[in-house]
C-alpha atoms as a PDB file:
ATOM      1  CA  MET A   1      10.356 -20.944-114.110  1.00  0.00           C
ATOM      2  CA  THR A   2      14.083 -20.283-113.814  1.00  0.00           C
ATOM      3  CA  SER A   3      16.456 -22.742-112.348  1.00  0.00           C
ATOM      4  CA  PRO A   4      18.126 -22.090-108.984  1.00  0.00           C
ATOM      5  CA  LEU A   5      21.515 -22.365-110.669  1.00  0.00           C
ATOM      6  CA  PHE A   6      20.607 -19.504-113.063  1.00  0.00           C
ATOM      7  CA  GLN A   7      19.405 -17.349-110.124  1.00  0.00           C
ATOM      8  CA  LEU A   8      22.688 -17.974-108.255  1.00  0.00           C
ATOM      9  CA  ALA A   9      24.737 -17.029-111.334  1.00  0.00           C
ATOM     10  CA  ALA A  10      22.711 -13.823-111.788  1.00  0.00           C
ATOM     11  CA  ALA A  11      23.208 -12.827-108.138  1.00  0.00           C
ATOM     12  CA  GLN A  12      27.004 -13.138-108.357  1.00  0.00           C
ATOM     13  CA  GLN A  13      27.565 -10.460-110.956  1.00  0.00           C
ATOM     14  CA  SER A  14      30.595  -8.222-110.336  1.00  0.00           C
ATOM     15  CA  ALA A  15      30.189  -4.634-109.112  1.00  0.00           C
ATOM     16  CA  PRO A  16      30.281  -1.924-111.771  1.00  0.00           C
ATOM     17  CA  VAL A  17      33.821  -0.743-112.558  1.00  0.00           C
ATOM     18  CA  THR A  18      34.647   2.802-111.381  1.00  0.00           C
ATOM     19  CA  ASP A  19      35.513   5.167-114.201  1.00  0.00           C
ATOM     20  CA  TRP A  20      38.719   6.663-112.765  1.00  0.00           C
ATOM     21  CA  ALA A  21      39.374   8.825-115.797  1.00  0.00           C
ATOM     22  CA  ALA A  22      36.042  10.636-115.347  1.00  0.00           C
ATOM     23  CA  ARG A  23      36.672  11.159-111.622  1.00  0.00           C
ATOM     24  CA  ILE A  24      40.160  12.514-112.215  1.00  0.00           C
ATOM     25  CA  ALA A  25      38.813  14.850-114.902  1.00  0.00           C
ATOM     26  CA  TRP A  26      36.182  16.210-112.475  1.00  0.00           C
ATOM     27  CA  VAL A  27      38.800  16.778-109.726  1.00  0.00           C
ATOM     28  CA  VAL A  28      41.189  18.517-112.136  1.00  0.00           C
ATOM     29  CA  GLY A  29      38.328  20.649-113.479  1.00  0.00           C
ATOM     30  CA  LEU A  30      37.308  21.673-109.942  1.00  0.00           C
ATOM     31  CA  LEU A  31      40.901  22.586-109.025  1.00  0.00           C
ATOM     32  CA  LEU A  32      41.242  24.662-112.205  1.00  0.00           C
ATOM     33  CA  PHE A  33      37.978  26.471-111.405  1.00  0.00           C
ATOM     34  CA  ILE A  34      39.195  27.270-107.850  1.00  0.00           C
ATOM     35  CA  ALA A  35      42.525  28.525-109.258  1.00  0.00           C
ATOM     36  CA  LEU A  36      40.656  30.741-111.752  1.00  0.00           C
ATOM     37  CA  VAL A  37      38.474  32.267-109.009  1.00  0.00           C
ATOM     38  CA  TYR A  38      41.553  32.931-106.854  1.00  0.00           C
ATOM     39  CA  TRP A  39      43.381  34.525-109.801  1.00  0.00           C
ATOM     40  CA  LEU A  40      40.379  36.770-110.604  1.00  0.00           C
ATOM     41  CA  MET A  41      40.166  37.902-106.959  1.00  0.00           C
ATOM     42  CA  ARG A  42      43.887  38.704-106.955  1.00  0.00           C
ATOM     43  CA  GLU A  43      43.617  40.650-110.214  1.00  0.00           C
ATOM     44  CA  GLY A  44      40.655  42.597-108.791  1.00  0.00           C
ATOM     45  CA  TRP A  45      42.712  43.498-105.716  1.00  0.00           C
ATOM     46  CA  LYS A  46      45.602  44.712-107.904  1.00  0.00           C
ATOM     47  CA  TRP A  47      43.192  46.663-110.148  1.00  0.00           C
ATOM     48  CA  ARG A  48      41.704  48.399-107.087  1.00  0.00           C
ATOM     49  CA  GLY A  49      45.225  49.317-105.955  1.00  0.00           C
ATOM     50  CA  THR A  50      45.947  50.775-109.402  1.00  0.00           C
ATOM     51  CA  LEU A  51      42.771  52.884-109.275  1.00  0.00           C
ATOM     52  CA  GLN A  52      43.874  54.249-105.881  1.00  0.00           C
ATOM     53  CA  GLY A  53      47.422  54.937-107.090  1.00  0.00           C
ATOM     54  CA  ASP A  54      46.959  58.692-106.596  1.00  0.00           C
ATOM     55  CA  LEU A  55      47.053  58.200-102.813  1.00  0.00           C
ATOM     56  CA  PRO A  56      50.387  59.638-101.602  1.00  0.00           C
ATOM     57  CA  GLU A  57      52.922  57.715 -99.539  1.00  0.00           C
ATOM     58  CA  LEU A  58      51.858  57.202 -95.945  1.00  0.00           C
ATOM     59  CA  PRO A  59      53.381  59.598 -93.401  1.00  0.00           C
ATOM     60  CA  THR A  60      56.027  58.213 -91.065  1.00  0.00           C
ATOM     61  CA  ALA A  61      56.341  59.000 -87.387  1.00  0.00           C
ATOM     62  CA  PRO A  62      58.532  61.955 -86.447  1.00  0.00           C
ATOM     63  CA  ALA A  63      61.917  61.287 -84.836  1.00  0.00           C
ATOM     64  CA  GLU A  64      60.622  62.765 -81.564  1.00  0.00           C
ATOM     65  CA  PRO A  65      56.980  61.632 -81.345  1.00  0.00           C
ATOM     66  CA  GLY A  66      56.455  63.019 -77.849  1.00  0.00           C
ATOM     67  CA  GLU A  67      55.013  61.575 -74.672  1.00  0.00           C
ATOM     68  CA  PRO A  68      52.363  58.863 -75.229  1.00  0.00           C
ATOM     69  CA  ARG A  69      48.856  59.814 -74.128  1.00  0.00           C
ATOM     70  CA  LEU A  70      47.365  56.361 -74.803  1.00  0.00           C
ATOM     71  CA  THR A  71      48.562  53.013 -76.115  1.00  0.00           C
ATOM     72  CA  LEU A  72      46.505  50.129 -77.472  1.00  0.00           C
ATOM     73  CA  SER A  73      47.357  46.737 -78.906  1.00  0.00           C
ATOM     74  CA  GLY A  74      44.951  44.835 -81.091  1.00  0.00           C
ATOM     75  CA  ARG A  75      44.110  44.325 -84.762  1.00  0.00           C
ATOM     76  CA  TYR A  76      43.981  46.637 -87.746  1.00  0.00           C
ATOM     77  CA  HIS A  77      40.988  45.657 -89.912  1.00  0.00           C
ATOM     78  CA  GLY A  78      41.510  47.974 -92.866  1.00  0.00           C
ATOM     79  CA  SER A  79      40.720  51.409 -94.226  1.00  0.00           C
ATOM     80  CA  THR A  80      37.872  52.664 -96.379  1.00  0.00           C
ATOM     81  CA  THR A  81      36.731  55.907 -97.929  1.00  0.00           C
ATOM     82  CA  ALA A  82      35.200  57.880 -95.049  1.00  0.00           C
ATOM     83  CA  GLY A  83      31.533  57.099 -94.578  1.00  0.00           C
ATOM     84  CA  GLN A  84      31.574  54.168 -97.019  1.00  0.00           C
ATOM     85  CA  TRP A  85      32.340  51.096 -94.935  1.00  0.00           C
ATOM     86  CA  LEU A  86      32.639  48.730 -97.935  1.00  0.00           C
ATOM     87  CA  ASP A  87      34.834  50.906-100.197  1.00  0.00           C
ATOM     88  CA  ARG A  88      38.133  49.342 -99.119  1.00  0.00           C
ATOM     89  CA  ILE A  89      41.401  51.224 -99.656  1.00  0.00           C
ATOM     90  CA  VAL A  90      44.153  48.805-100.728  1.00  0.00           C
ATOM     91  CA  ALA A  91      46.822  51.240-101.973  1.00  0.00           C
ATOM     92  CA  ARG A  92      49.939  51.794 -99.869  1.00  0.00           C
ATOM     93  CA  GLY A  93      49.303  48.619 -97.876  1.00  0.00           C
ATOM     94  CA  LEU A  94      46.195  49.999 -96.165  1.00  0.00           C
ATOM     95  CA  GLY A  95      44.180  46.963 -97.253  1.00  0.00           C
ATOM     96  CA  THR A  96      46.338  44.489 -95.337  1.00  0.00           C
ATOM     97  CA  ARG A  97      44.797  43.287 -92.082  1.00  0.00           C
ATOM     98  CA  SER A  98      47.348  42.793 -89.322  1.00  0.00           C
ATOM     99  CA  ARG A  99      48.178  43.074 -85.659  1.00  0.00           C
ATOM    100  CA  ALA A 100      48.659  46.692 -84.619  1.00  0.00           C
ATOM    101  CA  GLU A 101      50.139  48.734 -81.812  1.00  0.00           C
ATOM    102  CA  LEU A 102      48.621  52.221 -81.534  1.00  0.00           C
ATOM    103  CA  THR A 103      50.275  55.112 -79.733  1.00  0.00           C
ATOM    104  CA  LEU A 104      48.584  58.494 -79.407  1.00  0.00           C
ATOM    105  CA  THR A 105      50.771  61.532 -78.727  1.00  0.00           C
ATOM    106  CA  ASP A 106      50.238  65.279 -79.065  1.00  0.00           C
ATOM    107  CA  GLN A 107      51.720  65.022 -82.570  1.00  0.00           C
ATOM    108  CA  GLY A 108      49.316  62.333 -83.795  1.00  0.00           C
ATOM    109  CA  LEU A 109      48.538  58.631 -84.002  1.00  0.00           C
ATOM    110  CA  HIS A 110      51.361  56.164 -84.672  1.00  0.00           C
ATOM    111  CA  VAL A 111      50.269  52.761 -86.006  1.00  0.00           C
ATOM    112  CA  VAL A 112      52.900  50.013 -85.877  1.00  0.00           C
ATOM    113  CA  ARG A 113      51.938  46.889 -87.852  1.00  0.00           C
ATOM    114  CA  PRO A 114      54.231  43.845 -87.714  1.00  0.00           C
ATOM    115  CA  GLY A 115      54.390  42.286 -91.168  1.00  0.00           C
ATOM    116  CA  ALA A 116      52.761  45.306 -92.829  1.00  0.00           C
ATOM    117  CA  GLN A 117      53.650  48.949 -93.472  1.00  0.00           C
ATOM    118  CA  ASP A 118      53.514  51.221 -90.409  1.00  0.00           C
ATOM    119  CA  PHE A 119      51.927  54.646 -90.747  1.00  0.00           C
ATOM    120  CA  PHE A 120      51.462  57.868 -88.832  1.00  0.00           C
ATOM    121  CA  VAL A 121      48.393  60.106 -88.750  1.00  0.00           C
ATOM    122  CA  PRO A 122      49.464  63.676 -87.881  1.00  0.00           C
ATOM    123  CA  ALA A 123      47.220  65.447 -85.376  1.00  0.00           C
ATOM    124  CA  ALA A 124      46.369  68.032 -88.076  1.00  0.00           C
ATOM    125  CA  ALA A 125      44.988  65.224 -90.283  1.00  0.00           C
ATOM    126  CA  LEU A 126      42.696  63.744 -87.613  1.00  0.00           C
ATOM    127  CA  ARG A 127      39.021  64.392 -88.349  1.00  0.00           C
ATOM    128  CA  GLY A 128      37.421  62.393 -85.539  1.00  0.00           C
ATOM    129  CA  ALA A 129      36.797  58.970 -84.060  1.00  0.00           C
ATOM    130  CA  ARG A 130      33.773  56.858 -83.237  1.00  0.00           C
ATOM    131  CA  LEU A 131      32.694  53.370 -82.242  1.00  0.00           C
ATOM    132  CA  ASP A 132      31.097  51.286 -84.964  1.00  0.00           C
ATOM    133  CA  LYS A 133      30.373  47.693 -85.870  1.00  0.00           C
ATOM    134  CA  GLY A 134      31.772  47.241 -89.370  1.00  0.00           C
ATOM    135  CA  ILE A 135      34.488  48.251 -91.804  1.00  0.00           C
ATOM    136  CA  ALA A 136      35.872  46.801 -95.047  1.00  0.00           C
ATOM    137  CA  GLY A 137      33.697  43.703 -94.890  1.00  0.00           C
ATOM    138  CA  LYS A 138      34.515  42.978 -91.217  1.00  0.00           C
ATOM    139  CA  VAL A 139      31.494  43.065 -88.891  1.00  0.00           C
ATOM    140  CA  LEU A 140      31.722  42.884 -85.105  1.00  0.00           C
ATOM    141  CA  PRO A 141      29.214  43.473 -82.289  1.00  0.00           C
ATOM    142  CA  GLU A 142      27.860  47.028 -81.985  1.00  0.00           C
ATOM    143  CA  GLY A 143      30.663  49.349 -80.817  1.00  0.00           C
ATOM    144  CA  GLY A 144      33.291  46.643 -81.327  1.00  0.00           C
ATOM    145  CA  LEU A 145      35.448  48.714 -83.679  1.00  0.00           C
ATOM    146  CA  LEU A 146      37.361  51.918 -83.084  1.00  0.00           C
ATOM    147  CA  ILE A 147      37.049  53.939 -86.306  1.00  0.00           C
ATOM    148  CA  VAL A 148      39.533  56.774 -86.823  1.00  0.00           C
ATOM    149  CA  THR A 149      38.665  59.301 -89.548  1.00  0.00           C
ATOM    150  CA  TRP A 150      41.648  61.121 -91.031  1.00  0.00           C
ATOM    151  CA  GLU A 151      42.630  63.031 -94.139  1.00  0.00           C
ATOM    152  CA  HIS A 152      45.393  61.901 -96.472  1.00  0.00           C
ATOM    153  CA  GLY A 153      46.060  63.310 -99.908  1.00  0.00           C
ATOM    154  CA  ASN A 154      42.784  65.298-100.083  1.00  0.00           C
ATOM    155  CA  LYS A 155      40.859  62.115 -99.299  1.00  0.00           C
ATOM    156  CA  GLN A 156      39.136  61.327 -96.030  1.00  0.00           C
ATOM    157  CA  LEU A 157      39.697  57.790 -94.772  1.00  0.00           C
ATOM    158  CA  ASP A 158      38.200  55.638 -92.035  1.00  0.00           C
ATOM    159  CA  SER A 159      40.620  53.171 -90.439  1.00  0.00           C
ATOM    160  CA  GLY A 160      39.234  50.408 -88.225  1.00  0.00           C
ATOM    161  CA  PHE A 161      40.913  48.953 -85.152  1.00  0.00           C
ATOM    162  CA  ARG A 162      39.827  46.369 -82.598  1.00  0.00           C
ATOM    163  CA  GLY A 163      41.725  46.574 -79.315  1.00  0.00           C
ATOM    164  CA  ASP A 164      42.542  43.497 -77.278  1.00  0.00           C
ATOM    165  CA  ARG A 165      40.616  45.244 -74.498  1.00  0.00           C
ATOM    166  CA  ALA A 166      37.582  46.774 -76.214  1.00  0.00           C
ATOM    167  CA  ALA A 167      36.616  48.529 -72.967  1.00  0.00           C
ATOM    168  CA  GLU A 168      39.400  51.048 -73.754  1.00  0.00           C
ATOM    169  CA  HIS A 169      37.746  52.168 -77.024  1.00  0.00           C
ATOM    170  CA  PRO A 170      35.604  54.976 -75.484  1.00  0.00           C
ATOM    171  CA  ALA A 171      38.693  56.613 -73.945  1.00  0.00           C
ATOM    172  CA  TRP A 172      40.355  56.514 -77.361  1.00  0.00           C
ATOM    173  CA  VAL A 173      37.336  58.095 -79.053  1.00  0.00           C
ATOM    174  CA  GLU A 174      37.345  60.912 -76.514  1.00  0.00           C
ATOM    175  CA  ALA A 175      41.116  61.523 -76.782  1.00  0.00           C
ATOM    176  CA  LEU A 176      41.173  61.390 -80.595  1.00  0.00           C
ATOM    177  CA  ASN A 177      38.211  63.746 -80.911  1.00  0.00           C
ATOM    178  CA  ALA A 178      39.782  66.156 -78.398  1.00  0.00           C
ATOM    179  CA  LEU A 179      43.106  66.115 -80.281  1.00  0.00           C
ATOM    180  CA  GLY A 180      41.382  66.596 -83.649  1.00  0.00           C
ATOM    181  CA  THR A 181      39.281  69.478 -82.286  1.00  0.00           C
ATOM    182  CA  ALA A 182      42.334  71.147 -80.722  1.00  0.00           C
ATOM    183  CA  GLU A 183      44.235  70.925 -84.025  1.00  0.00           C
ATOM    184  CA  SER A 184      41.261  72.299 -85.996  1.00  0.00           C
ATOM    185  CA  THR A 185      40.985  75.236 -83.590  1.00  0.00           C
ATOM    186  CA  THR A 186      44.725  75.933 -83.868  1.00  0.00           C
ATOM    187  CA  GLU A 187      44.610  75.822 -87.695  1.00  0.00           C
ATOM    188  CA  HIS A 188      41.535  78.094 -87.767  1.00  0.00           C
ATOM    189  CA  THR A 189      43.222  80.592 -85.424  1.00  0.00           C
ATOM    190  CA  GLU A 190      46.409  80.610 -87.531  1.00  0.00           C
ATOM    191  CA  THR A 191      44.361  81.157 -90.723  1.00  0.00           C
ATOM    192  CA  GLU A 192      42.434  84.044 -89.156  1.00  0.00           C
ATOM    193  CA  GLY A 193      45.698  85.590 -87.901  1.00  0.00           C
ATOM    194  CA  ALA A 194      47.220  85.419 -91.395  1.00  0.00           C
ATOM    195  CA  ARG A 195      44.351  87.477 -92.823  1.00  0.00           C
END
């Protein structure tokens, strides 16, 4: 039988001492791991840009773009190889998501992006437009994205936009397809006339 004094002494033991060195080592190790993952992602992005280095400079809008047919403000979600919604194009700043102001004229589509490089898609380069739900890793509700297919440097691209008023997307699809079809017909007629 143990004495009550011994039981009281046993109950008043101090709490275990925290090993601060081990905790600090774990925190530093975790931060280094996060930094390594971030660095690898950045290097992968730069490597992808290097692989796509053959993509020519983006066209700029003409001095006289013409009368606007349609305008749309919203977000630019990125560009991919046409038909491959996960094959992101990062060269020439096309991988940078940003706000965007779109203006469609008879000469083509002008995309103004604050904080990123603007670009212009000539009417002759337009290959079509459609509504879709995903591009470059961004997924929205069915029909939530306006996808514009265009040709640049012998490569067909899909560029994805989400307007602030998504109800305007169908009108854009119709106008872009009409402009692309009109340009294709004009080019075909000029080619036939040259023969």
